[in-house]
N, C-alpha and C. Protein backbone atom coordinates (compact mmCIF):
# COMPACT_ATOMS: atom_id res chain seq x y z
N MET A 1 1.72 -2.88 -158.05
CA MET A 1 0.38 -2.34 -158.11
C MET A 1 -0.50 -2.92 -156.98
N LYS A 2 -0.34 -4.24 -156.72
CA LYS A 2 -1.13 -4.86 -155.65
C LYS A 2 -0.84 -4.20 -154.31
N HIS A 3 0.44 -3.87 -154.08
CA HIS A 3 0.83 -3.23 -152.81
C HIS A 3 0.20 -1.85 -152.69
N LEU A 4 0.12 -1.13 -153.78
CA LEU A 4 -0.48 0.20 -153.77
C LEU A 4 -1.97 0.13 -153.47
N ILE A 5 -2.65 -0.82 -154.06
CA ILE A 5 -4.09 -1.01 -153.80
C ILE A 5 -4.31 -1.41 -152.34
N PHE A 6 -3.48 -2.34 -151.82
CA PHE A 6 -3.59 -2.75 -150.43
C PHE A 6 -3.38 -1.56 -149.49
N LEU A 7 -2.36 -0.75 -149.77
CA LEU A 7 -2.07 0.43 -148.94
C LEU A 7 -3.24 1.41 -148.97
N PHE A 8 -3.82 1.65 -150.15
CA PHE A 8 -4.97 2.55 -150.27
C PHE A 8 -6.15 2.03 -149.45
N LEU A 9 -6.44 0.73 -149.56
CA LEU A 9 -7.55 0.15 -148.79
C LEU A 9 -7.30 0.23 -147.30
N LEU A 10 -6.07 -0.05 -146.88
CA LEU A 10 -5.72 0.03 -145.46
C LEU A 10 -5.93 1.44 -144.93
N ILE A 11 -5.47 2.42 -145.67
CA ILE A 11 -5.61 3.81 -145.25
C ILE A 11 -7.08 4.22 -145.23
N SER A 12 -7.84 3.85 -146.26
CA SER A 12 -9.23 4.29 -146.33
C SER A 12 -10.08 3.64 -145.24
N PHE A 13 -9.77 2.39 -144.83
CA PHE A 13 -10.54 1.75 -143.77
C PHE A 13 -10.05 2.13 -142.38
N SER A 14 -8.81 2.60 -142.27
CA SER A 14 -8.24 2.88 -140.96
C SER A 14 -8.26 4.34 -140.57
N ALA A 15 -8.21 5.23 -141.53
CA ALA A 15 -8.08 6.65 -141.21
C ALA A 15 -9.36 7.18 -140.59
N SER A 16 -9.20 7.90 -139.52
CA SER A 16 -10.33 8.47 -138.80
C SER A 16 -9.81 9.51 -137.84
N ALA A 17 -10.64 10.53 -137.59
CA ALA A 17 -10.24 11.53 -136.60
C ALA A 17 -10.23 10.89 -135.21
N GLN A 18 -11.08 9.92 -134.98
CA GLN A 18 -11.08 9.16 -133.74
C GLN A 18 -10.79 7.70 -134.08
N TYR A 19 -10.36 6.94 -133.12
CA TYR A 19 -9.96 5.57 -133.37
C TYR A 19 -10.44 4.68 -132.23
N LYS A 20 -10.52 3.40 -132.52
CA LYS A 20 -10.87 2.42 -131.49
C LYS A 20 -9.60 1.85 -130.86
N TYR A 21 -8.63 1.48 -131.69
CA TYR A 21 -7.35 0.93 -131.23
C TYR A 21 -6.20 1.71 -131.85
N ALA A 22 -5.13 1.84 -131.11
CA ALA A 22 -3.91 2.46 -131.65
C ALA A 22 -2.71 1.79 -131.01
N PHE A 23 -1.70 1.49 -131.82
CA PHE A 23 -0.49 0.87 -131.29
C PHE A 23 0.72 1.46 -132.02
N GLY A 24 1.83 1.54 -131.29
CA GLY A 24 3.01 2.11 -131.91
C GLY A 24 4.18 2.21 -130.95
N ALA A 25 5.02 3.22 -131.19
CA ALA A 25 6.26 3.40 -130.44
C ALA A 25 6.14 4.60 -129.50
N ARG A 26 6.82 4.51 -128.37
CA ARG A 26 6.86 5.60 -127.40
C ARG A 26 8.32 5.87 -127.04
N PHE A 27 8.64 7.15 -126.93
CA PHE A 27 9.98 7.58 -126.58
C PHE A 27 9.89 8.54 -125.40
N ASP A 28 10.50 8.16 -124.28
CA ASP A 28 10.49 9.03 -123.09
C ASP A 28 11.74 8.84 -122.26
N GLY A 29 12.86 8.84 -122.91
CA GLY A 29 14.11 8.57 -122.23
C GLY A 29 14.55 7.13 -122.41
N SER A 30 13.59 6.25 -122.63
CA SER A 30 13.88 4.86 -122.99
C SER A 30 12.85 4.44 -124.03
N PRO A 31 13.25 3.63 -125.00
CA PRO A 31 12.30 3.23 -126.04
C PRO A 31 11.25 2.29 -125.48
N GLY A 32 10.07 2.34 -126.09
CA GLY A 32 8.99 1.47 -125.64
C GLY A 32 7.91 1.32 -126.68
N ILE A 33 6.88 0.57 -126.30
CA ILE A 33 5.72 0.40 -127.17
C ILE A 33 4.48 0.85 -126.41
N THR A 34 3.46 1.25 -127.15
CA THR A 34 2.22 1.72 -126.56
C THR A 34 1.04 1.07 -127.28
N PHE A 35 0.01 0.74 -126.53
CA PHE A 35 -1.23 0.20 -127.07
C PHE A 35 -2.37 0.93 -126.36
N LYS A 36 -3.27 1.53 -127.14
CA LYS A 36 -4.34 2.33 -126.56
C LYS A 36 -5.69 1.87 -127.10
N VAL A 37 -6.67 1.75 -126.21
CA VAL A 37 -8.02 1.35 -126.57
C VAL A 37 -8.98 2.42 -126.09
N ASN A 38 -9.76 2.99 -127.00
CA ASN A 38 -10.79 3.96 -126.63
C ASN A 38 -12.05 3.20 -126.23
N ASN A 39 -12.54 3.44 -125.02
CA ASN A 39 -13.76 2.79 -124.53
C ASN A 39 -15.01 3.54 -124.92
N GLY A 40 -14.87 4.77 -125.26
CA GLY A 40 -16.00 5.61 -125.64
C GLY A 40 -15.44 6.91 -126.17
N LYS A 41 -16.28 7.91 -126.21
CA LYS A 41 -15.82 9.18 -126.76
C LYS A 41 -14.86 9.91 -125.83
N LYS A 42 -14.91 9.63 -124.54
CA LYS A 42 -14.09 10.41 -123.61
C LYS A 42 -13.17 9.60 -122.72
N ALA A 43 -13.09 8.29 -122.90
CA ALA A 43 -12.26 7.46 -122.01
C ALA A 43 -11.44 6.46 -122.82
N SER A 44 -10.29 6.10 -122.28
CA SER A 44 -9.45 5.09 -122.93
C SER A 44 -8.56 4.42 -121.89
N LEU A 45 -8.01 3.27 -122.27
CA LEU A 45 -6.99 2.56 -121.49
C LEU A 45 -5.73 2.52 -122.33
N GLU A 46 -4.60 2.78 -121.70
CA GLU A 46 -3.32 2.72 -122.41
C GLU A 46 -2.36 1.82 -121.66
N ALA A 47 -1.71 0.93 -122.38
CA ALA A 47 -0.68 0.05 -121.84
C ALA A 47 0.65 0.45 -122.46
N LEU A 48 1.66 0.61 -121.60
CA LEU A 48 3.00 0.97 -122.06
C LEU A 48 3.97 -0.11 -121.61
N LEU A 49 4.93 -0.42 -122.44
CA LEU A 49 6.01 -1.33 -122.09
C LEU A 49 7.32 -0.67 -122.50
N ASN A 50 8.13 -0.31 -121.52
CA ASN A 50 9.39 0.40 -121.76
C ASN A 50 10.56 -0.42 -121.27
N SER A 51 11.73 -0.17 -121.88
CA SER A 51 12.94 -0.75 -121.32
C SER A 51 13.22 -0.05 -120.00
N PHE A 52 13.81 -0.79 -119.08
CA PHE A 52 14.05 -0.30 -117.72
C PHE A 52 15.37 -0.87 -117.28
N GLY A 53 16.45 -0.11 -117.45
CA GLY A 53 17.78 -0.66 -117.20
C GLY A 53 18.02 -1.79 -118.17
N ASN A 54 18.30 -2.97 -117.65
CA ASN A 54 18.42 -4.15 -118.50
C ASN A 54 17.17 -5.03 -118.41
N GLY A 55 16.08 -4.45 -117.93
CA GLY A 55 14.81 -5.16 -117.79
C GLY A 55 13.69 -4.45 -118.52
N ALA A 56 12.50 -4.53 -117.95
CA ALA A 56 11.32 -3.92 -118.57
C ALA A 56 10.40 -3.36 -117.50
N LYS A 57 9.62 -2.35 -117.90
CA LYS A 57 8.63 -1.75 -117.00
C LYS A 57 7.30 -1.66 -117.75
N ALA A 58 6.24 -2.15 -117.13
CA ALA A 58 4.89 -2.10 -117.70
C ALA A 58 4.07 -1.07 -116.94
N THR A 59 3.29 -0.28 -117.68
CA THR A 59 2.44 0.75 -117.11
C THR A 59 1.04 0.60 -117.69
N LEU A 60 0.02 0.72 -116.86
CA LEU A 60 -1.37 0.72 -117.30
C LEU A 60 -2.02 2.01 -116.82
N LEU A 61 -2.64 2.75 -117.76
CA LEU A 61 -3.23 4.05 -117.46
C LEU A 61 -4.69 4.10 -117.89
N ALA A 62 -5.54 4.69 -117.05
CA ALA A 62 -6.90 5.04 -117.41
C ALA A 62 -6.87 6.52 -117.78
N GLU A 63 -7.39 6.86 -118.97
CA GLU A 63 -7.29 8.23 -119.46
C GLU A 63 -8.65 8.76 -119.87
N TRP A 64 -8.80 10.08 -119.73
CA TRP A 64 -10.00 10.78 -120.15
C TRP A 64 -9.61 11.86 -121.15
N HIS A 65 -10.48 12.10 -122.13
CA HIS A 65 -10.16 13.00 -123.24
C HIS A 65 -11.12 14.18 -123.29
N GLN A 66 -10.59 15.30 -123.75
CA GLN A 66 -11.39 16.50 -124.00
C GLN A 66 -10.95 17.07 -125.34
N LYS A 67 -11.89 17.64 -126.08
CA LYS A 67 -11.56 18.30 -127.34
C LYS A 67 -10.58 19.43 -127.11
N ALA A 68 -9.64 19.58 -128.05
CA ALA A 68 -8.70 20.70 -127.98
C ALA A 68 -8.81 21.49 -129.28
N PHE A 69 -8.70 22.78 -129.18
CA PHE A 69 -8.67 23.67 -130.35
C PHE A 69 -9.92 23.56 -131.21
N SER A 70 -11.06 23.24 -130.63
CA SER A 70 -12.36 23.17 -131.32
C SER A 70 -12.37 22.26 -132.53
N THR A 71 -11.64 21.17 -132.46
CA THR A 71 -11.63 20.20 -133.56
C THR A 71 -11.57 18.79 -132.98
N GLY A 72 -12.10 17.83 -133.71
CA GLY A 72 -12.10 16.45 -133.25
C GLY A 72 -10.76 15.75 -133.44
N GLN A 73 -9.87 16.35 -134.22
CA GLN A 73 -8.58 15.71 -134.46
C GLN A 73 -7.59 15.95 -133.32
N TRP A 74 -7.75 17.02 -132.59
CA TRP A 74 -6.87 17.35 -131.45
C TRP A 74 -7.62 17.06 -130.16
N ARG A 75 -6.95 16.36 -129.21
CA ARG A 75 -7.58 16.08 -127.92
C ARG A 75 -6.55 16.20 -126.80
N TRP A 76 -6.99 16.81 -125.70
CA TRP A 76 -6.22 16.77 -124.46
C TRP A 76 -6.56 15.47 -123.78
N TYR A 77 -5.64 14.92 -123.04
CA TYR A 77 -5.97 13.75 -122.22
C TYR A 77 -5.21 13.83 -120.90
N TYR A 78 -5.82 13.22 -119.90
CA TYR A 78 -5.25 13.17 -118.56
C TYR A 78 -5.69 11.86 -117.94
N GLY A 79 -4.91 11.36 -116.98
CA GLY A 79 -5.28 10.10 -116.39
C GLY A 79 -4.36 9.67 -115.26
N VAL A 80 -4.67 8.49 -114.73
CA VAL A 80 -3.92 7.90 -113.62
C VAL A 80 -3.73 6.41 -113.89
N GLY A 81 -2.75 5.84 -113.20
CA GLY A 81 -2.51 4.42 -113.35
C GLY A 81 -1.37 3.97 -112.46
N GLY A 82 -0.77 2.86 -112.83
CA GLY A 82 0.33 2.32 -112.05
C GLY A 82 1.35 1.63 -112.93
N HIS A 83 2.52 1.37 -112.34
CA HIS A 83 3.59 0.70 -113.08
C HIS A 83 4.30 -0.31 -112.19
N ALA A 84 4.92 -1.28 -112.86
CA ALA A 84 5.78 -2.27 -112.20
C ALA A 84 6.91 -2.61 -113.16
N GLY A 85 8.12 -2.65 -112.63
CA GLY A 85 9.27 -2.95 -113.48
C GLY A 85 10.23 -3.87 -112.76
N ALA A 86 11.01 -4.60 -113.54
CA ALA A 86 12.01 -5.51 -112.97
C ALA A 86 13.26 -5.47 -113.82
N ALA A 87 14.41 -5.47 -113.16
CA ALA A 87 15.70 -5.45 -113.83
C ALA A 87 16.75 -5.99 -112.87
N ASN A 88 17.97 -6.09 -113.33
CA ASN A 88 19.11 -6.44 -112.49
C ASN A 88 20.00 -5.22 -112.35
N ARG A 89 20.54 -5.01 -111.17
CA ARG A 89 21.50 -3.91 -110.98
C ARG A 89 22.85 -4.37 -111.52
N TYR A 90 23.57 -3.43 -112.08
CA TYR A 90 24.86 -3.72 -112.70
C TYR A 90 25.93 -2.86 -112.06
N ARG A 91 26.99 -3.49 -111.61
CA ARG A 91 28.09 -2.74 -111.01
C ARG A 91 29.40 -3.49 -111.26
N LYS A 92 30.38 -2.79 -111.70
CA LYS A 92 31.73 -3.34 -111.90
C LYS A 92 31.72 -4.63 -112.70
N HIS A 93 31.05 -4.60 -113.83
CA HIS A 93 31.07 -5.67 -114.82
C HIS A 93 30.30 -6.93 -114.43
N TYR A 94 29.39 -6.86 -113.47
CA TYR A 94 28.55 -8.02 -113.19
C TYR A 94 27.21 -7.57 -112.59
N TYR A 95 26.21 -8.42 -112.77
CA TYR A 95 24.89 -8.17 -112.20
C TYR A 95 24.89 -8.71 -110.78
N TYR A 96 24.43 -7.89 -109.84
CA TYR A 96 24.55 -8.34 -108.46
C TYR A 96 23.23 -8.34 -107.69
N ASP A 97 22.17 -7.83 -108.23
CA ASP A 97 20.95 -7.72 -107.43
C ASP A 97 19.75 -7.61 -108.34
N ASN A 98 18.64 -8.24 -107.95
CA ASN A 98 17.38 -8.03 -108.65
C ASN A 98 16.79 -6.71 -108.19
N TYR A 99 16.16 -6.02 -109.08
CA TYR A 99 15.64 -4.68 -108.80
C TYR A 99 14.20 -4.64 -109.27
N VAL A 100 13.28 -4.36 -108.38
CA VAL A 100 11.86 -4.27 -108.70
C VAL A 100 11.39 -2.88 -108.34
N GLN A 101 10.56 -2.31 -109.19
CA GLN A 101 10.02 -0.98 -108.94
C GLN A 101 8.51 -1.02 -109.14
N VAL A 102 7.77 -0.46 -108.19
CA VAL A 102 6.31 -0.41 -108.23
C VAL A 102 5.90 1.00 -107.85
N GLY A 103 4.88 1.54 -108.56
CA GLY A 103 4.45 2.89 -108.22
C GLY A 103 3.19 3.31 -108.94
N ALA A 104 2.83 4.56 -108.72
CA ALA A 104 1.64 5.17 -109.32
C ALA A 104 2.08 6.18 -110.37
N ASP A 105 1.24 6.38 -111.37
CA ASP A 105 1.53 7.29 -112.47
C ASP A 105 0.37 8.24 -112.71
N GLY A 106 0.70 9.40 -113.21
CA GLY A 106 -0.28 10.33 -113.75
C GLY A 106 0.12 10.61 -115.18
N ILE A 107 -0.78 11.19 -115.96
CA ILE A 107 -0.43 11.56 -117.33
C ILE A 107 -1.26 12.76 -117.75
N LEU A 108 -0.63 13.66 -118.50
CA LEU A 108 -1.28 14.84 -119.07
C LEU A 108 -0.67 15.05 -120.44
N GLY A 109 -1.50 15.05 -121.48
CA GLY A 109 -0.94 15.15 -122.82
C GLY A 109 -1.89 15.74 -123.84
N LEU A 110 -1.36 15.85 -125.05
CA LEU A 110 -2.09 16.36 -126.21
C LEU A 110 -1.83 15.40 -127.36
N GLU A 111 -2.92 14.98 -128.04
CA GLU A 111 -2.76 14.08 -129.17
C GLU A 111 -3.46 14.62 -130.41
N HIS A 112 -2.94 14.22 -131.56
CA HIS A 112 -3.53 14.57 -132.85
C HIS A 112 -3.68 13.30 -133.66
N THR A 113 -4.89 13.05 -134.16
CA THR A 113 -5.15 11.91 -135.03
C THR A 113 -5.48 12.46 -136.41
N PHE A 114 -4.70 12.07 -137.38
CA PHE A 114 -4.90 12.54 -138.75
C PHE A 114 -6.13 11.88 -139.36
N SER A 115 -6.90 12.64 -140.13
CA SER A 115 -8.07 12.07 -140.79
C SER A 115 -7.69 11.48 -142.15
N GLU A 116 -6.57 11.90 -142.72
CA GLU A 116 -6.16 11.44 -144.05
C GLU A 116 -5.39 10.12 -144.01
N ILE A 117 -4.66 9.89 -142.94
CA ILE A 117 -3.86 8.68 -142.80
C ILE A 117 -4.08 8.12 -141.40
N PRO A 118 -3.84 6.82 -141.20
CA PRO A 118 -4.10 6.21 -139.88
C PRO A 118 -2.95 6.44 -138.90
N LEU A 119 -2.72 7.70 -138.54
CA LEU A 119 -1.60 8.05 -137.68
C LEU A 119 -2.08 8.91 -136.52
N ASN A 120 -1.63 8.55 -135.32
CA ASN A 120 -1.92 9.31 -134.11
C ASN A 120 -0.58 9.69 -133.49
N LEU A 121 -0.38 10.98 -133.22
CA LEU A 121 0.83 11.48 -132.58
C LEU A 121 0.45 12.11 -131.26
N SER A 122 1.28 11.90 -130.23
CA SER A 122 0.98 12.52 -128.94
C SER A 122 2.26 12.92 -128.24
N VAL A 123 2.12 13.93 -127.41
CA VAL A 123 3.19 14.38 -126.53
C VAL A 123 2.58 14.49 -125.14
N ASP A 124 3.32 14.05 -124.11
CA ASP A 124 2.73 14.04 -122.78
C ASP A 124 3.78 14.18 -121.70
N TRP A 125 3.27 14.46 -120.52
CA TRP A 125 4.05 14.52 -119.29
C TRP A 125 3.50 13.44 -118.38
N LYS A 126 4.37 12.53 -117.91
CA LYS A 126 3.93 11.38 -117.11
C LYS A 126 4.74 11.28 -115.82
N PRO A 127 4.33 12.02 -114.77
CA PRO A 127 5.05 11.90 -113.49
C PRO A 127 4.81 10.54 -112.86
N GLU A 128 5.81 10.07 -112.10
CA GLU A 128 5.74 8.77 -111.43
C GLU A 128 6.03 8.93 -109.94
N LEU A 129 5.30 8.20 -109.13
CA LEU A 129 5.55 8.13 -107.70
C LEU A 129 5.93 6.69 -107.38
N ASN A 130 7.21 6.46 -107.10
CA ASN A 130 7.69 5.11 -106.82
C ASN A 130 7.51 4.79 -105.34
N PHE A 131 6.99 3.58 -105.06
CA PHE A 131 6.79 3.12 -103.69
C PHE A 131 7.91 2.19 -103.25
N ILE A 132 8.41 1.37 -104.18
CA ILE A 132 9.41 0.36 -103.86
C ILE A 132 10.67 0.63 -104.67
N ASN A 133 11.84 0.61 -104.01
CA ASN A 133 13.13 0.89 -104.62
C ASN A 133 13.14 2.30 -105.23
N ASP A 134 13.99 3.10 -104.76
CA ASP A 134 14.08 4.52 -105.15
C ASP A 134 12.74 5.23 -104.96
N PRO A 135 12.16 5.17 -103.73
CA PRO A 135 10.87 5.83 -103.53
C PRO A 135 11.01 7.33 -103.72
N GLY A 136 9.96 7.91 -104.26
CA GLY A 136 9.96 9.35 -104.48
C GLY A 136 9.15 9.71 -105.70
N LEU A 137 9.01 11.00 -105.90
CA LEU A 137 8.26 11.55 -107.03
C LEU A 137 9.23 11.95 -108.13
N TYR A 138 9.01 11.44 -109.33
CA TYR A 138 9.83 11.75 -110.51
C TYR A 138 8.95 12.50 -111.51
N VAL A 139 9.27 13.76 -111.74
CA VAL A 139 8.39 14.62 -112.55
C VAL A 139 8.98 15.01 -113.89
N THR A 140 10.13 14.46 -114.27
CA THR A 140 10.79 14.90 -115.50
C THR A 140 10.52 13.98 -116.68
N ASN A 141 9.48 13.16 -116.62
CA ASN A 141 9.20 12.17 -117.65
C ASN A 141 8.32 12.76 -118.76
N LEU A 142 8.95 13.25 -119.83
CA LEU A 142 8.23 13.75 -121.01
C LEU A 142 8.29 12.69 -122.09
N GLY A 143 7.17 12.48 -122.80
CA GLY A 143 7.14 11.42 -123.80
C GLY A 143 6.53 11.86 -125.11
N PHE A 144 6.88 11.11 -126.15
CA PHE A 144 6.33 11.29 -127.49
C PHE A 144 5.95 9.92 -128.01
N SER A 145 4.73 9.80 -128.57
CA SER A 145 4.27 8.54 -129.12
C SER A 145 3.79 8.73 -130.56
N ALA A 146 4.06 7.74 -131.38
CA ALA A 146 3.55 7.67 -132.75
C ALA A 146 2.84 6.33 -132.88
N ARG A 147 1.53 6.38 -133.21
CA ARG A 147 0.73 5.15 -133.23
C ARG A 147 0.01 4.99 -134.56
N PHE A 148 -0.18 3.74 -134.94
CA PHE A 148 -1.03 3.37 -136.06
C PHE A 148 -2.45 3.29 -135.49
N ALA A 149 -3.38 4.07 -136.04
CA ALA A 149 -4.74 4.16 -135.49
C ALA A 149 -5.71 3.36 -136.35
N LEU A 150 -6.47 2.49 -135.69
CA LEU A 150 -7.48 1.68 -136.36
C LEU A 150 -8.86 2.22 -136.02
N LYS A 151 -9.68 2.31 -137.04
CA LYS A 151 -11.02 2.89 -136.93
C LYS A 151 -11.91 2.07 -136.02
N LYS A 152 -12.96 2.70 -135.52
CA LYS A 152 -13.96 2.04 -134.66
C LYS A 152 -14.63 0.89 -135.37
């Protein structure tokens, strides 16, 4: 019974069509975590940490939001940022080289924040322009995020 009361209180204090903080999981070809902070009604910062080979890649994005479908629960978002990743290259059963990747990112997506439960779901397209190691434009990065949303 205590757990049920705690869950009810958590949901009632956290559920909102808009949120101040959101954190959760991101899936875009490699598993990762996401943390998002809304700075106001139309801007936010998002930090992503994804696996990258046998290493990790961190991304920081500045995002702007617009209402979608004439409701406050659905929002379009778009933004820019950068990434840096480090891993070891693997060939023929041994690691032979350090691998660093640095570049710029864009993002375009759609998110839905439930008003009944503290859940935010989003789908997005995040192209990357790598400057160091494998330079070039990578446009096939589609992602899905599920976040726990905390009220303002």
